C-alpha atoms as a PDB file:
ATOM      1  CA  MET A   1     109.369 144.839  75.838  1.00  0.00           C
ATOM      2  CA  SER A   2     111.364 142.557  78.497  1.00  0.00           C
ATOM      3  CA  THR A   3     114.721 141.269  77.559  1.00  0.00           C
ATOM      4  CA  HIS A   4     114.759 138.326  80.104  1.00  0.00           C
ATOM      5  CA  LYS A   5     112.448 135.541  80.818  1.00  0.00           C
ATOM      6  CA  ALA A   6     110.331 135.272  83.860  1.00  0.00           C
ATOM      7  CA  GLY A   7     112.318 133.462  86.783  1.00  0.00           C
ATOM      8  CA  GLY A   8     109.404 132.414  88.655  1.00  0.00           C
ATOM      9  CA  LYS A   9     107.567 130.434  86.775  1.00  0.00           C
ATOM     10  CA  THR A  10     109.450 127.322  86.173  1.00  0.00           C
ATOM     11  CA  GLY A  11     107.942 125.420  89.317  1.00  0.00           C
ATOM     12  CA  GLN A  12     104.326 125.555  88.253  1.00  0.00           C
ATOM     13  CA  HIS A  13     103.724 122.401  86.494  1.00  0.00           C
ATOM     14  CA  ILE A  14     105.220 119.505  89.189  1.00  0.00           C
ATOM     15  CA  ARG A  15     103.206 116.816  89.581  1.00  0.00           C
ATOM     16  CA  PRO A  16     102.402 115.652  92.991  1.00  0.00           C
ATOM     17  CA  VAL A  17     103.990 112.440  94.572  1.00  0.00           C
ATOM     18  CA  GLY A  18     101.595 109.223  93.860  1.00  0.00           C
ATOM     19  CA  LYS A  19      99.839 107.845  96.972  1.00  0.00           C
ATOM     20  CA  ARG A  20     100.502 103.927  96.241  1.00  0.00           C
ATOM     21  CA  LEU A  21      96.648 103.025  96.071  1.00  0.00           C
ATOM     22  CA  GLY A  22      95.098 100.140  95.255  1.00  0.00           C
ATOM     23  CA  LEU A  23      95.364  96.030  95.747  1.00  0.00           C
ATOM     24  CA  LYS A  24      98.155  94.914  97.782  1.00  0.00           C
ATOM     25  CA  VAL A  25      97.280  91.236  97.312  1.00  0.00           C
ATOM     26  CA  SER A  26      95.968  89.249  94.937  1.00  0.00           C
ATOM     27  CA  ASN A  27      92.753  86.768  94.779  1.00  0.00           C
ATOM     28  CA  GLY A  28      93.871  83.465  96.451  1.00  0.00           C
ATOM     29  CA  GLN A  29      96.997  84.764  97.866  1.00  0.00           C
ATOM     30  CA  LYS A  30      98.170  83.525 101.691  1.00  0.00           C
ATOM     31  CA  VAL A  31      98.199  86.253 104.080  1.00  0.00           C
ATOM     32  CA  GLY A  32      99.042  86.855 107.821  1.00  0.00           C
ATOM     33  CA  VAL A  33      97.682  88.939 110.563  1.00  0.00           C
ATOM     34  CA  GLY A  34      97.858  92.793 109.873  1.00  0.00           C
ATOM     35  CA  THR A  35      98.634  92.189 106.085  1.00  0.00           C
ATOM     36  CA  ILE A  36      97.005  95.487 104.444  1.00  0.00           C
ATOM     37  CA  LEU A  37      94.823  94.121 101.627  1.00  0.00           C
ATOM     38  CA  VAL A  38      94.023  97.282  99.812  1.00  0.00           C
ATOM     39  CA  ARG A  39      94.789 101.037 100.165  1.00  0.00           C
ATOM     40  CA  GLN A  40      91.716 103.068  98.927  1.00  0.00           C
ATOM     41  CA  ARG A  41      89.971 106.493  99.144  1.00  0.00           C
ATOM     42  CA  GLY A  42      86.591 105.681 100.067  1.00  0.00           C
ATOM     43  CA  THR A  43      85.124 101.997 100.142  1.00  0.00           C
ATOM     44  CA  THR A  44      85.398 100.728  97.028  1.00  0.00           C
ATOM     45  CA  PHE A  45      86.343  97.450  98.700  1.00  0.00           C
ATOM     46  CA  LYS A  46      84.155  96.745 101.381  1.00  0.00           C
ATOM     47  CA  ALA A  47      85.799  94.540 104.324  1.00  0.00           C
ATOM     48  CA  GLY A  48      84.250  91.107 104.722  1.00  0.00           C
ATOM     49  CA  THR A  49      84.995  88.085 107.032  1.00  0.00           C
ATOM     50  CA  GLY A  50      88.502  87.968 108.607  1.00  0.00           C
ATOM     51  CA  ALA A  51      89.082  91.337 107.546  1.00  0.00           C
ATOM     52  CA  LYS A  52      88.689  95.065 108.739  1.00  0.00           C
ATOM     53  CA  THR A  53      88.757  98.693 107.714  1.00  0.00           C
ATOM     54  CA  GLY A  54      91.098 101.343 109.133  1.00  0.00           C
ATOM     55  CA  ARG A  55      90.302 104.998 109.506  1.00  0.00           C
ATOM     56  CA  ASP A  56      91.934 105.511 106.110  1.00  0.00           C
ATOM     57  CA  HIS A  57      89.345 103.024 104.471  1.00  0.00           C
ATOM     58  CA  THR A  58      92.367 100.785 104.314  1.00  0.00           C
ATOM     59  CA  ALA A  59      91.149  96.895 104.484  1.00  0.00           C
ATOM     60  CA  PHE A  60      93.770  94.619 106.180  1.00  0.00           C
ATOM     61  CA  ALA A  61      93.761  91.043 107.630  1.00  0.00           C
ATOM     62  CA  ILE A  62      92.663  90.113 111.266  1.00  0.00           C
ATOM     63  CA  LYS A  63      93.719  86.069 110.926  1.00  0.00           C
ATOM     64  CA  GLU A  64      95.847  84.239 108.716  1.00  0.00           C
ATOM     65  CA  GLY A  65      94.513  82.600 105.734  1.00  0.00           C
ATOM     66  CA  THR A  66      93.612  82.809 101.809  1.00  0.00           C
ATOM     67  CA  VAL A  67      92.429  85.947 100.203  1.00  0.00           C
ATOM     68  CA  GLN A  68      88.827  85.838  98.574  1.00  0.00           C
ATOM     69  CA  ILE A  69      87.577  88.453  96.476  1.00  0.00           C
ATOM     70  CA  SER A  70      83.880  88.688  95.615  1.00  0.00           C
ATOM     71  CA  GLN A  71      80.815  90.605  94.981  1.00  0.00           C
ATOM     72  CA  ARG A  72      77.768  90.854  97.350  1.00  0.00           C
ATOM     73  CA  LEU A  73      74.720  93.003  96.480  1.00  0.00           C
ATOM     74  CA  GLY A  74      76.880  94.650  93.631  1.00  0.00           C
ATOM     75  CA  ARG A  75      79.814  95.666  96.293  1.00  0.00           C
ATOM     76  CA  LYS A  76      83.328  94.246  96.072  1.00  0.00           C
ATOM     77  CA  VAL A  77      84.107  92.664  99.047  1.00  0.00           C
ATOM     78  CA  ILE A  78      87.456  91.300 100.279  1.00  0.00           C
ATOM     79  CA  SER A  79      87.573  88.472 102.783  1.00  0.00           C
ATOM     80  CA  ILE A  80      89.989  86.280 104.635  1.00  0.00           C
ATOM     81  CA  VAL A  81      89.228  82.266 104.484  1.00  0.00           C
ATOM     82  CA  SER A  82      90.666  79.934 107.058  1.00  0.00           C
ATOM     83  CA  LYS A  83      92.993  77.235 105.878  1.00  0.00           C
END
């Protein structure tokens, strides 16, 4: 029988760092060009008018205006409405 605790088992339950996903702006908020609207895994929010989707599915603004979050055919759509 061992008289010492195992020394190499202390690092097994380390939680990974969160990826800071989710909505970065709210409905009705004013944004500028290039503002990140939502970071996501997959397309939870689809980019509407005035927004585009990056290669990691991040939605960002391509023009200035106000954020409008709506639903179209059961999908959440995030758009930018001009001033």
